[in-house]
Amino acid sequence: QVVLQESGGGVVKTGGSLSLSCLTSGFTVSNYYMAWYRAAAPGNQRELVAGITSAGKITYGDSVKGRFTISRNNVQNAVYLEIDNLIPEDTAVYYCYRDGGWWGQGTQVTVSA
């Protein structure tokens, strides 16, 4: 059974940092495209934040380049998202995604002015 479990969200002030984790089970992360998406509100379209292919190629959404860093730990079978220099526009629910349509439940990030 494929499971994606995000954690690490919270409330931070503008300019702060957060580290999000996506712990997985039921598959090997290094074999799949993994990504982080976000949605400003439930039901809103999800925006691609960052993705990493099985080969390790990384892409970022234009709005987060230079501030977000995606990484993968094959031993822990997990994917991470380091978020620096947060701005209020980063407020959203952040979702972990696996190729094939698998989603986690999301973790809320709220950035206060």
N, C-alpha and C. Protein backbone atom coordinates (compact mmCIF):
# COMPACT_ATOMS: atom_id res chain seq x y z
N GLN A 1 0.84 -1.20 0.00
CA GLN A 1 0.00 0.00 0.00
C GLN A 1 0.87 1.24 0.00
N VAL A 2 0.59 2.13 -0.94
CA VAL A 2 1.35 3.37 -1.05
C VAL A 2 0.84 4.36 0.00
N VAL A 3 1.75 4.87 0.80
CA VAL A 3 1.41 5.86 1.81
C VAL A 3 2.40 7.01 1.73
N LEU A 4 1.88 8.22 1.75
CA LEU A 4 2.68 9.44 1.80
C LEU A 4 2.22 10.25 3.00
N GLN A 5 3.12 10.58 3.89
CA GLN A 5 2.76 11.29 5.11
C GLN A 5 3.62 12.53 5.27
N GLU A 6 2.99 13.69 5.12
CA GLU A 6 3.72 14.95 5.29
C GLU A 6 3.73 15.39 6.74
N SER A 7 4.76 16.14 7.08
CA SER A 7 4.85 16.76 8.40
C SER A 7 5.77 17.96 8.30
N GLY A 8 5.76 18.78 9.35
CA GLY A 8 6.68 19.90 9.42
C GLY A 8 6.08 21.26 9.19
N GLY A 9 4.80 21.30 8.85
CA GLY A 9 4.15 22.60 8.65
C GLY A 9 3.99 23.34 9.96
N GLY A 10 3.59 24.58 9.85
CA GLY A 10 3.39 25.38 11.06
C GLY A 10 3.17 26.84 10.71
N VAL A 11 3.22 27.66 11.75
CA VAL A 11 3.06 29.11 11.59
C VAL A 11 4.41 29.76 11.80
N VAL A 12 4.85 30.53 10.84
CA VAL A 12 6.14 31.21 10.94
C VAL A 12 5.99 32.65 10.48
N LYS A 13 6.91 33.47 10.88
CA LYS A 13 6.91 34.87 10.47
C LYS A 13 7.60 35.03 9.13
N THR A 14 7.27 36.09 8.45
CA THR A 14 7.94 36.41 7.19
C THR A 14 9.44 36.41 7.37
N GLY A 15 10.12 35.75 6.44
CA GLY A 15 11.57 35.63 6.51
C GLY A 15 12.05 34.38 7.20
N GLY A 16 11.15 33.66 7.81
CA GLY A 16 11.51 32.44 8.53
C GLY A 16 11.70 31.25 7.61
N SER A 17 11.97 30.10 8.23
CA SER A 17 12.24 28.87 7.48
C SER A 17 11.45 27.71 8.06
N LEU A 18 11.20 26.74 7.21
CA LEU A 18 10.56 25.49 7.63
C LEU A 18 11.17 24.34 6.85
N SER A 19 11.11 23.17 7.47
CA SER A 19 11.53 21.95 6.79
C SER A 19 10.36 20.99 6.78
N LEU A 20 9.90 20.65 5.59
CA LEU A 20 8.80 19.70 5.44
C LEU A 20 9.35 18.33 5.10
N SER A 21 8.70 17.31 5.64
CA SER A 21 9.09 15.94 5.38
C SER A 21 7.93 15.17 4.76
N CYS A 22 8.28 14.25 3.89
CA CYS A 22 7.31 13.33 3.31
C CYS A 22 7.86 11.92 3.51
N LEU A 23 7.35 11.26 4.53
CA LEU A 23 7.76 9.90 4.80
C LEU A 23 6.85 8.97 4.03
N THR A 24 7.44 7.93 3.45
CA THR A 24 6.66 7.07 2.57
C THR A 24 6.77 5.61 2.97
N SER A 25 5.86 4.82 2.47
CA SER A 25 5.93 3.37 2.61
C SER A 25 5.19 2.74 1.45
N GLY A 26 5.51 1.50 1.18
CA GLY A 26 4.84 0.78 0.12
C GLY A 26 5.51 0.86 -1.24
N PHE A 27 6.58 1.64 -1.33
CA PHE A 27 7.32 1.75 -2.59
C PHE A 27 8.69 2.35 -2.28
N THR A 28 9.53 2.41 -3.28
CA THR A 28 10.88 2.96 -3.14
C THR A 28 10.94 4.32 -3.83
N VAL A 29 11.19 5.37 -3.07
CA VAL A 29 11.12 6.74 -3.61
C VAL A 29 12.08 6.96 -4.77
N SER A 30 13.21 6.28 -4.75
CA SER A 30 14.21 6.52 -5.79
C SER A 30 13.77 5.96 -7.15
N ASN A 31 12.69 5.20 -7.17
CA ASN A 31 12.20 4.63 -8.42
C ASN A 31 11.13 5.46 -9.10
N TYR A 32 10.72 6.57 -8.45
CA TYR A 32 9.59 7.34 -8.95
C TYR A 32 9.88 8.83 -8.95
N TYR A 33 9.16 9.53 -9.82
CA TYR A 33 9.12 10.98 -9.75
C TYR A 33 8.35 11.38 -8.51
N MET A 34 8.94 12.24 -7.69
CA MET A 34 8.33 12.74 -6.47
C MET A 34 8.27 14.26 -6.55
N ALA A 35 7.25 14.84 -5.93
CA ALA A 35 7.11 16.29 -6.01
C ALA A 35 6.38 16.84 -4.80
N TRP A 36 6.52 18.14 -4.64
CA TRP A 36 5.74 18.90 -3.67
C TRP A 36 4.85 19.86 -4.45
N TYR A 37 3.59 19.89 -4.06
CA TYR A 37 2.62 20.84 -4.59
C TYR A 37 2.06 21.64 -3.43
N ARG A 38 1.41 22.74 -3.77
CA ARG A 38 0.72 23.49 -2.73
C ARG A 38 -0.59 24.04 -3.26
N ALA A 39 -1.51 24.26 -2.34
CA ALA A 39 -2.81 24.85 -2.67
C ALA A 39 -3.12 25.89 -1.61
N ALA A 40 -3.45 27.09 -2.05
CA ALA A 40 -3.67 28.19 -1.12
C ALA A 40 -4.90 27.95 -0.24
N ALA A 41 -5.85 27.19 -0.75
CA ALA A 41 -7.05 26.88 0.03
C ALA A 41 -7.59 25.55 -0.46
N PRO A 42 -8.29 24.82 0.40
CA PRO A 42 -8.87 23.55 -0.04
C PRO A 42 -9.76 23.75 -1.27
N GLY A 43 -9.56 22.89 -2.27
CA GLY A 43 -10.33 23.02 -3.50
C GLY A 43 -9.67 23.85 -4.56
N ASN A 44 -8.66 24.65 -4.16
CA ASN A 44 -7.93 25.43 -5.16
C ASN A 44 -7.03 24.51 -5.97
N GLN A 45 -6.71 24.97 -7.17
CA GLN A 45 -5.78 24.21 -8.01
C GLN A 45 -4.43 24.12 -7.33
N ARG A 46 -3.84 22.96 -7.40
CA ARG A 46 -2.54 22.75 -6.78
C ARG A 46 -1.43 23.21 -7.71
N GLU A 47 -0.48 23.90 -7.13
CA GLU A 47 0.66 24.47 -7.86
C GLU A 47 1.89 23.63 -7.61
N LEU A 48 2.59 23.28 -8.67
CA LEU A 48 3.84 22.55 -8.51
C LEU A 48 4.88 23.46 -7.87
N VAL A 49 5.48 22.98 -6.79
CA VAL A 49 6.51 23.73 -6.08
C VAL A 49 7.90 23.22 -6.48
N ALA A 50 8.07 21.91 -6.42
CA ALA A 50 9.36 21.31 -6.74
C ALA A 50 9.16 19.84 -7.05
N GLY A 51 10.01 19.32 -7.93
CA GLY A 51 9.95 17.92 -8.28
C GLY A 51 11.33 17.33 -8.45
N ILE A 52 11.43 16.02 -8.24
CA ILE A 52 12.69 15.33 -8.43
C ILE A 52 12.41 14.01 -9.12
N THR A 53 13.12 13.76 -10.21
CA THR A 53 12.92 12.53 -10.96
C THR A 53 13.69 11.39 -10.32
N SER A 54 13.46 10.17 -10.78
CA SER A 54 14.19 9.02 -10.27
C SER A 54 15.68 9.16 -10.54
N ALA A 55 16.03 9.89 -11.59
CA ALA A 55 17.44 10.11 -11.92
C ALA A 55 18.05 11.25 -11.12
N GLY A 56 17.22 11.94 -10.36
CA GLY A 56 17.73 13.02 -9.53
C GLY A 56 17.63 14.40 -10.14
N LYS A 57 16.99 14.51 -11.31
CA LYS A 57 16.83 15.83 -11.91
C LYS A 57 15.77 16.61 -11.14
N ILE A 58 16.10 17.86 -10.82
CA ILE A 58 15.23 18.69 -9.98
C ILE A 58 14.69 19.87 -10.77
N THR A 59 13.43 20.18 -10.54
CA THR A 59 12.81 21.36 -11.12
C THR A 59 12.05 22.10 -10.02
N TYR A 60 11.93 23.41 -10.20
CA TYR A 60 11.22 24.25 -9.25
C TYR A 60 10.21 25.13 -9.97
N GLY A 61 9.13 25.44 -9.24
CA GLY A 61 8.19 26.43 -9.76
C GLY A 61 8.85 27.80 -9.77
N ASP A 62 8.45 28.63 -10.71
CA ASP A 62 9.10 29.94 -10.86
C ASP A 62 8.98 30.79 -9.59
N SER A 63 7.88 30.65 -8.87
CA SER A 63 7.65 31.52 -7.72
C SER A 63 8.49 31.15 -6.50
N VAL A 64 9.17 30.01 -6.54
CA VAL A 64 9.91 29.57 -5.36
C VAL A 64 11.40 29.37 -5.63
N LYS A 65 11.82 29.58 -6.86
CA LYS A 65 13.24 29.36 -7.18
C LYS A 65 14.13 30.21 -6.29
N GLY A 66 15.15 29.56 -5.77
CA GLY A 66 16.11 30.26 -4.93
C GLY A 66 15.75 30.26 -3.45
N ARG A 67 14.52 29.87 -3.14
CA ARG A 67 14.09 29.86 -1.74
C ARG A 67 13.74 28.46 -1.24
N PHE A 68 13.35 27.57 -2.14
CA PHE A 68 12.93 26.22 -1.79
C PHE A 68 13.98 25.23 -2.29
N THR A 69 14.18 24.17 -1.50
CA THR A 69 15.12 23.12 -1.89
C THR A 69 14.48 21.77 -1.63
N ILE A 70 14.37 20.98 -2.68
CA ILE A 70 13.85 19.62 -2.55
C ILE A 70 15.02 18.66 -2.46
N SER A 71 14.84 17.64 -1.66
CA SER A 71 15.87 16.61 -1.55
C SER A 71 15.21 15.26 -1.29
N ARG A 72 16.00 14.22 -1.50
CA ARG A 72 15.50 12.86 -1.34
C ARG A 72 16.51 12.07 -0.52
N ASN A 73 16.02 11.28 0.40
CA ASN A 73 16.88 10.41 1.18
C ASN A 73 16.47 8.97 0.90
N ASN A 74 17.30 8.26 0.17
CA ASN A 74 16.94 6.91 -0.25
C ASN A 74 16.97 5.92 0.91
N VAL A 75 17.77 6.19 1.90
CA VAL A 75 17.83 5.29 3.07
C VAL A 75 16.55 5.43 3.90
N GLN A 76 16.14 6.67 4.11
CA GLN A 76 14.91 6.92 4.87
C GLN A 76 13.66 6.78 4.02
N ASN A 77 13.87 6.63 2.69
CA ASN A 77 12.74 6.52 1.76
C ASN A 77 11.79 7.70 1.91
N ALA A 78 12.39 8.88 1.91
CA ALA A 78 11.63 10.09 2.18
C ALA A 78 12.07 11.21 1.25
N VAL A 79 11.19 12.19 1.14
CA VAL A 79 11.47 13.40 0.36
C VAL A 79 11.27 14.59 1.27
N TYR A 80 12.09 15.60 1.09
CA TYR A 80 12.06 16.76 1.98
C TYR A 80 11.94 18.05 1.18
N LEU A 81 11.44 19.07 1.83
CA LEU A 81 11.37 20.39 1.22
C LEU A 81 11.82 21.41 2.25
N GLU A 82 12.94 22.03 1.97
CA GLU A 82 13.46 23.10 2.81
C GLU A 82 12.95 24.42 2.24
N ILE A 83 12.30 25.20 3.11
CA ILE A 83 11.72 26.46 2.66
C ILE A 83 12.39 27.60 3.43
N ASP A 84 13.02 28.49 2.73
CA ASP A 84 13.70 29.62 3.35
C ASP A 84 13.07 30.94 2.90
N ASN A 85 13.31 31.97 3.70
CA ASN A 85 12.84 33.32 3.37
C ASN A 85 11.35 33.30 3.01
N LEU A 86 10.56 32.74 3.91
CA LEU A 86 9.13 32.61 3.66
C LEU A 86 8.46 33.97 3.54
N ILE A 87 7.47 34.04 2.68
CA ILE A 87 6.66 35.24 2.48
C ILE A 87 5.20 34.86 2.65
N PRO A 88 4.33 35.82 2.94
CA PRO A 88 2.90 35.48 3.16
C PRO A 88 2.27 34.72 1.99
N GLU A 89 2.74 34.98 0.79
CA GLU A 89 2.20 34.29 -0.39
C GLU A 89 2.51 32.80 -0.40
N ASP A 90 3.41 32.35 0.47
CA ASP A 90 3.72 30.93 0.58
C ASP A 90 2.70 30.19 1.45
N THR A 91 1.80 30.93 2.08
CA THR A 91 0.78 30.29 2.90
C THR A 91 -0.08 29.36 2.05
N ALA A 92 -0.12 28.09 2.45
CA ALA A 92 -0.83 27.09 1.66
C ALA A 92 -0.77 25.75 2.38
N VAL A 93 -1.53 24.81 1.88
CA VAL A 93 -1.36 23.41 2.28
C VAL A 93 -0.37 22.80 1.29
N TYR A 94 0.66 22.18 1.82
CA TYR A 94 1.70 21.58 1.00
C TYR A 94 1.49 20.07 0.95
N TYR A 95 1.49 19.54 -0.28
CA TYR A 95 1.20 18.14 -0.50
C TYR A 95 2.41 17.43 -1.12
N CYS A 96 2.64 16.23 -0.67
CA CYS A 96 3.63 15.35 -1.28
C CYS A 96 2.93 14.53 -2.36
N TYR A 97 3.61 14.33 -3.47
CA TYR A 97 3.03 13.64 -4.61
C TYR A 97 3.99 12.60 -5.16
N ARG A 98 3.42 11.45 -5.55
CA ARG A 98 4.20 10.43 -6.24
C ARG A 98 3.61 10.18 -7.61
N ASP A 99 4.45 10.04 -8.58
CA ASP A 99 4.02 9.74 -9.94
C ASP A 99 3.01 8.59 -9.92
N GLY A 100 1.92 8.78 -10.70
CA GLY A 100 0.87 7.79 -10.72
C GLY A 100 -0.38 8.24 -10.01
N GLY A 101 -0.35 9.46 -9.47
CA GLY A 101 -1.55 10.02 -8.87
C GLY A 101 -1.69 9.82 -7.38
N TRP A 102 -0.57 9.58 -6.70
CA TRP A 102 -0.63 9.35 -5.25
C TRP A 102 -0.33 10.64 -4.50
N TRP A 103 -1.17 10.97 -3.52
CA TRP A 103 -1.04 12.19 -2.75
C TRP A 103 -1.05 11.91 -1.25
N GLY A 104 -0.34 12.74 -0.53
CA GLY A 104 -0.46 12.72 0.91
C GLY A 104 -1.63 13.60 1.35
N GLN A 105 -1.82 13.70 2.67
CA GLN A 105 -2.94 14.46 3.21
C GLN A 105 -2.64 15.95 3.28
N GLY A 106 -1.38 16.31 3.24
CA GLY A 106 -1.00 17.71 3.25
C GLY A 106 -0.61 18.21 4.63
N THR A 107 0.19 19.26 4.64
CA THR A 107 0.57 19.92 5.87
C THR A 107 0.45 21.43 5.67
N GLN A 108 -0.14 22.10 6.63
CA GLN A 108 -0.44 23.53 6.50
C GLN A 108 0.78 24.37 6.85
N VAL A 109 1.09 25.30 5.97
CA VAL A 109 2.12 26.30 6.22
C VAL A 109 1.45 27.67 6.22
N THR A 110 1.63 28.40 7.30
CA THR A 110 1.05 29.74 7.41
C THR A 110 2.16 30.73 7.71
N VAL A 111 2.26 31.75 6.88
CA VAL A 111 3.29 32.76 7.05
C VAL A 111 2.64 34.07 7.46
N SER A 112 3.00 34.57 8.62
CA SER A 112 2.44 35.82 9.11
C SER A 112 3.33 36.99 8.73
N ALA A 113 2.72 38.15 8.55
CA ALA A 113 3.47 39.34 8.15
C ALA A 113 4.33 39.86 9.29
